[in-house]
């Protein structure tokens, strides 16, 4: 077995037998990994608050090629983010982000993606309640872009014709972005995308933080969820994402 020392974030946890837990970690050196934290439920001496969701620190993993579950030797916490658990909006937003990480990030080194997840969790933790949805949407769109699913927004995804900044367009999940006035009607399943909404997504992808209205934010959540579902091939529901929509607005 080899010892891997890496920065890590706790994305998910589940109880295992009487005293242990299985954790899903986002790591800087090895992407998303599943680890067994032996005795984590019976004693905090080895792991401290490492088994808390969204905790960040340095993990030591005992790994073996060909295995899907490795052993967590230790986890030295550097940041625990307790504020994410004290507000429903922030908690569900952070859960939606970590769920998407679990679904789109694999077991390969991706330092840029890891840093983006850290920034996203920090931004959500620091956001005022009215701004939480917009902050999380920005973090999620940048995650989508970091893993290679950047939507085409400045031109037609089919014919490559430029689309003006003040032009409404059709957004096609299947085509991977916006469609011009000529291609849009010929592509089934498209959704109308106002020019202002397209500029908002571009701002999020650029690292800026626009503040859409509540109805606009709800439409952006729906658009992003549909986009993710189009590009995920396993057919499983995005449960945390749906709960985020439900928790904020009372209905999906």
Protein backbone atom coordinates (compact mmCIF):
# COMPACT_ATOMS: atom_id res chain seq x y z
CA UNK A 1 0.00 0.00 0.00
CA UNK A 2 1.06 3.59 -0.66
CA UNK A 3 0.54 6.59 1.60
CA UNK A 4 -1.01 9.63 -0.09
CA UNK A 5 -0.83 12.96 1.74
CA UNK A 6 -3.12 15.55 0.21
CA UNK A 7 -5.37 18.54 0.89
CA UNK A 8 -8.97 17.35 1.10
CA UNK A 9 -12.59 18.39 1.69
CA UNK A 10 -15.31 16.17 3.17
CA UNK A 11 -18.14 15.98 0.61
CA UNK A 12 -20.26 13.17 2.05
CA UNK A 13 -20.33 10.81 5.00
CA UNK A 14 -22.22 7.64 5.90
CA UNK A 15 -22.08 5.34 8.90
CA UNK A 16 -20.37 1.96 8.50
CA UNK A 17 -20.80 -0.87 11.00
CA UNK A 18 -20.88 0.21 14.65
CA UNK A 19 -17.97 2.59 14.93
CA UNK A 20 -16.71 3.66 11.50
CA UNK A 21 -17.69 5.96 8.66
CA UNK A 22 -17.21 5.99 4.92
CA UNK A 23 -16.30 9.43 3.61
CA UNK A 24 -16.21 10.85 0.10
CA UNK A 25 -13.37 13.34 -0.18
CA UNK A 26 -12.42 15.85 -2.82
CA UNK A 27 -8.61 15.85 -2.89
CA UNK A 28 -6.11 18.11 -4.59
CA UNK A 29 -3.83 15.24 -5.64
CA UNK A 30 -6.28 12.47 -6.58
CA UNK A 31 -9.72 13.90 -7.36
CA UNK A 32 -12.68 12.35 -5.54
CA UNK A 33 -11.84 9.38 -3.31
CA UNK A 34 -13.86 7.09 -1.03
CA UNK A 35 -12.19 6.30 2.30
CA UNK A 36 -12.96 4.26 5.39
CA UNK A 37 -12.45 6.15 8.67
CA UNK A 38 -12.16 3.32 11.18
CA UNK A 39 -13.48 4.18 14.63
CA UNK A 40 -14.60 7.66 13.59
CA UNK A 41 -17.96 7.28 15.34
CA UNK A 42 -16.60 5.95 18.61
CA UNK A 43 -13.69 8.35 19.11
CA UNK A 44 -12.59 11.74 17.78
CA UNK A 45 -8.97 11.33 18.86
CA UNK A 46 -7.75 10.28 15.40
CA UNK A 47 -9.91 12.46 13.18
CA UNK A 48 -11.20 15.32 15.31
CA UNK A 49 -13.93 17.12 13.35
CA UNK A 50 -12.73 15.64 10.07
CA UNK A 51 -15.92 13.68 9.59
CA UNK A 52 -18.00 16.86 9.60
CA UNK A 53 -19.39 17.84 6.22
CA UNK A 54 -17.47 20.57 4.37
CA UNK A 55 -14.43 20.26 6.65
CA UNK A 56 -11.10 21.00 4.99
CA UNK A 57 -7.62 19.85 5.94
CA UNK A 58 -4.71 17.56 5.19
CA UNK A 59 -5.59 13.91 4.81
CA UNK A 60 -3.36 10.85 4.88
CA UNK A 61 -4.81 8.00 2.81
CA UNK A 62 -3.54 4.45 2.68
CA UNK A 63 -4.20 3.52 -0.95
CA UNK A 64 -3.98 0.36 -3.00
CA UNK A 65 -4.26 0.16 -6.81
CA UNK A 66 -7.51 -1.34 -8.03
CA UNK A 67 -9.47 -0.59 -4.87
CA UNK A 68 -12.45 1.77 -4.76
CA UNK A 69 -12.31 2.21 -0.98
CA UNK A 70 -9.11 3.32 0.72
CA UNK A 71 -8.23 3.82 4.40
CA UNK A 72 -8.15 7.23 6.05
CA UNK A 73 -5.13 7.23 8.36
CA UNK A 74 -5.55 10.77 9.68
CA UNK A 75 -7.18 14.11 8.88
CA UNK A 76 -5.77 17.36 10.28
CA UNK A 77 -8.54 19.94 10.03
CA UNK A 78 -7.60 23.46 8.96
CA UNK A 79 -11.13 24.78 8.40
CA UNK A 80 -14.47 23.33 9.50
CA UNK A 81 -17.02 25.87 8.14
CA UNK A 82 -19.61 25.43 10.93
CA UNK A 83 -21.56 28.40 9.59
CA UNK A 84 -22.79 26.31 6.68
CA UNK A 85 -24.82 24.17 9.10
CA UNK A 86 -26.55 27.08 10.86
CA UNK A 87 -28.56 28.40 7.91
CA UNK A 88 -30.82 26.27 5.71
CA UNK A 89 -30.13 28.27 2.57
CA UNK A 90 -26.37 28.04 2.96
CA UNK A 91 -26.46 24.36 3.93
CA UNK A 92 -28.61 23.31 0.97
CA UNK A 93 -26.54 25.45 -1.42
CA UNK A 94 -23.28 23.89 -0.18
CA UNK A 95 -24.86 20.43 -0.41
CA UNK A 96 -25.89 21.07 -4.01
CA UNK A 97 -22.33 22.11 -4.83
CA UNK A 98 -20.72 19.08 -3.19
CA UNK A 99 -23.25 16.72 -4.82
CA UNK A 100 -22.27 18.09 -8.22
CA UNK A 101 -18.59 17.62 -7.38
CA UNK A 102 -19.32 13.96 -6.57
CA UNK A 103 -21.10 13.51 -9.89
CA UNK A 104 -18.73 15.30 -12.28
CA UNK A 105 -15.25 14.96 -10.73
CA UNK A 106 -13.40 11.63 -11.00
CA UNK A 107 -10.36 10.08 -9.30
CA UNK A 108 -7.78 12.18 -11.13
CA UNK A 109 -5.72 15.13 -9.96
CA UNK A 110 -7.48 18.42 -10.74
CA UNK A 111 -5.99 21.17 -8.55
CA UNK A 112 -7.93 23.91 -10.35
CA UNK A 113 -11.24 22.17 -9.71
CA UNK A 114 -10.29 21.60 -6.06
CA UNK A 115 -9.44 25.29 -5.58
CA UNK A 116 -12.72 26.26 -7.22
CA UNK A 117 -14.68 24.09 -4.80
CA UNK A 118 -12.86 25.68 -1.86
CA UNK A 119 -13.65 29.15 -3.16
CA UNK A 120 -17.28 28.20 -3.73
CA UNK A 121 -17.78 26.85 -0.21
CA UNK A 122 -16.07 29.88 1.30
CA UNK A 123 -18.25 32.24 -0.74
CA UNK A 124 -21.44 30.42 0.26
CA UNK A 125 -20.39 30.42 3.92
CA UNK A 126 -19.78 34.18 3.81
CA UNK A 127 -22.88 35.11 1.81
CA UNK A 128 -25.77 37.05 3.30
CA UNK A 129 -29.02 35.09 3.18
CA UNK A 130 -30.53 37.06 0.25
CA UNK A 131 -27.36 36.51 -1.82
CA UNK A 132 -26.84 32.78 -1.15
CA UNK A 133 -28.61 31.46 -4.25
CA UNK A 134 -26.74 33.76 -6.63
CA UNK A 135 -23.38 33.01 -4.98
CA UNK A 136 -23.99 29.26 -5.23
CA UNK A 137 -25.11 29.50 -8.85
CA UNK A 138 -21.85 31.24 -9.69
CA UNK A 139 -19.83 28.52 -7.93
CA UNK A 140 -21.78 25.78 -9.73
CA UNK A 141 -21.42 27.29 -13.20
CA UNK A 142 -17.68 27.70 -12.64
CA UNK A 143 -17.48 24.04 -11.53
CA UNK A 144 -19.27 23.02 -14.72
CA UNK A 145 -16.75 25.05 -16.71
CA UNK A 146 -13.73 23.74 -14.79
CA UNK A 147 -14.62 20.12 -15.62
CA UNK A 148 -15.03 20.88 -19.32
CA UNK A 149 -18.77 21.45 -19.79
CA UNK A 150 -18.67 25.20 -20.47
CA UNK A 151 -21.85 26.17 -22.35
CA UNK A 152 -21.55 28.10 -25.60
CA UNK A 153 -23.03 31.54 -24.90
CA UNK A 154 -21.46 34.08 -27.27
CA UNK A 155 -22.40 32.33 -30.53
CA UNK A 156 -24.71 29.70 -31.91
CA UNK A 157 -23.73 26.22 -30.73
CA UNK A 158 -24.86 24.78 -34.10
CA UNK A 159 -23.80 27.18 -36.88
CA UNK A 160 -21.29 29.29 -34.87
CA UNK A 161 -22.98 32.55 -35.88
CA UNK A 162 -22.31 35.32 -33.32
CA UNK A 163 -25.16 36.29 -31.01
CA UNK A 164 -25.31 39.94 -29.97
CA UNK A 165 -25.19 40.86 -26.30
CA UNK A 166 -28.72 42.31 -26.49
CA UNK A 167 -30.26 39.38 -28.40
CA UNK A 168 -32.57 36.85 -26.81
CA UNK A 169 -31.79 33.29 -27.84
CA UNK A 170 -32.72 29.65 -27.36
CA UNK A 171 -30.73 27.57 -24.89
CA UNK A 172 -30.39 23.92 -25.88
CA UNK A 173 -29.09 21.49 -23.27
CA UNK A 174 -28.52 18.91 -25.98
CA UNK A 175 -26.56 21.29 -28.20
CA UNK A 176 -24.58 22.58 -25.23
CA UNK A 177 -25.48 26.24 -25.32
CA UNK A 178 -27.29 29.03 -27.13
CA UNK A 179 -28.82 28.82 -30.58
CA UNK A 180 -29.42 31.65 -33.03
CA UNK A 181 -32.83 32.68 -34.39
CA UNK A 182 -32.35 30.39 -37.40
CA UNK A 183 -31.18 27.23 -35.57
CA UNK A 184 -33.31 27.56 -32.44
CA UNK A 185 -36.70 26.64 -34.01
CA UNK A 186 -35.15 23.60 -35.67
CA UNK A 187 -33.83 22.11 -32.42
CA UNK A 188 -36.37 20.38 -30.12
CA UNK A 189 -36.36 20.87 -26.37
CA UNK A 190 -34.84 24.34 -26.30
CA UNK A 191 -35.63 26.94 -23.65
CA UNK A 192 -35.90 30.68 -24.31
CA UNK A 193 -32.96 32.53 -22.77
CA UNK A 194 -33.29 36.32 -22.42
CA UNK A 195 -30.22 38.35 -23.25
CA UNK A 196 -29.99 39.52 -19.62
CA UNK A 197 -29.96 35.92 -18.37
CA UNK A 198 -27.21 35.00 -20.82
CA UNK A 199 -25.11 37.95 -19.62
CA UNK A 200 -25.68 36.85 -16.02
CA UNK A 201 -24.30 33.36 -16.74
CA UNK A 202 -21.32 34.87 -18.57
CA UNK A 203 -20.65 37.08 -15.53
CA UNK A 204 -20.71 34.06 -13.20
CA UNK A 205 -18.33 32.16 -15.47
CA UNK A 206 -16.03 35.19 -15.45
CA UNK A 207 -15.91 35.21 -11.65
CA UNK A 208 -18.17 38.20 -11.18
CA UNK A 209 -21.20 38.16 -8.90
CA UNK A 210 -24.40 39.50 -10.45
CA UNK A 211 -27.54 39.64 -8.32
CA UNK A 212 -30.60 38.39 -10.23
CA UNK A 213 -34.06 38.78 -8.77
CA UNK A 214 -35.73 35.88 -6.95
CA UNK A 215 -37.79 34.80 -10.01
CA UNK A 216 -34.66 35.08 -12.19
CA UNK A 217 -32.64 33.03 -9.70
CA UNK A 218 -35.29 30.34 -9.69
CA UNK A 219 -35.17 30.17 -13.50
CA UNK A 220 -31.35 29.98 -13.37
CA UNK A 221 -31.51 27.08 -10.90
CA UNK A 222 -33.87 25.19 -13.20
CA UNK A 223 -31.74 25.88 -16.25
CA UNK A 224 -28.56 24.70 -14.55
CA UNK A 225 -30.19 21.55 -13.16
CA UNK A 226 -31.51 20.63 -16.60
CA UNK A 227 -28.09 21.29 -18.13
CA UNK A 228 -26.41 19.03 -15.57
CA UNK A 229 -28.99 16.27 -16.03
CA UNK A 230 -28.39 16.36 -19.78
CA UNK A 231 -24.66 15.77 -19.33
CA UNK A 232 -24.86 13.17 -16.55
CA UNK A 233 -25.25 9.71 -18.04
CA UNK A 234 -26.20 7.59 -15.03
CA UNK A 235 -29.82 8.76 -14.85
CA UNK A 236 -29.75 9.38 -11.09
CA UNK A 237 -31.62 12.34 -9.66
CA UNK A 238 -29.70 15.32 -8.32
CA UNK A 239 -31.33 15.04 -4.90
CA UNK A 240 -29.38 17.71 -3.05
CA UNK A 241 -29.81 20.13 -5.94
CA UNK A 242 -33.58 19.51 -5.97
CA UNK A 243 -33.69 19.99 -2.18
CA UNK A 244 -31.86 23.29 -2.64
CA UNK A 245 -34.60 24.49 -4.99
CA UNK A 246 -37.33 23.15 -2.73
CA UNK A 247 -35.80 24.61 0.44
CA UNK A 248 -35.49 28.09 -0.97
CA UNK A 249 -38.79 28.43 -2.78
CA UNK A 250 -41.08 25.80 -1.28
CA UNK A 251 -41.53 24.05 -4.61
CA UNK A 252 -39.44 22.89 -7.56
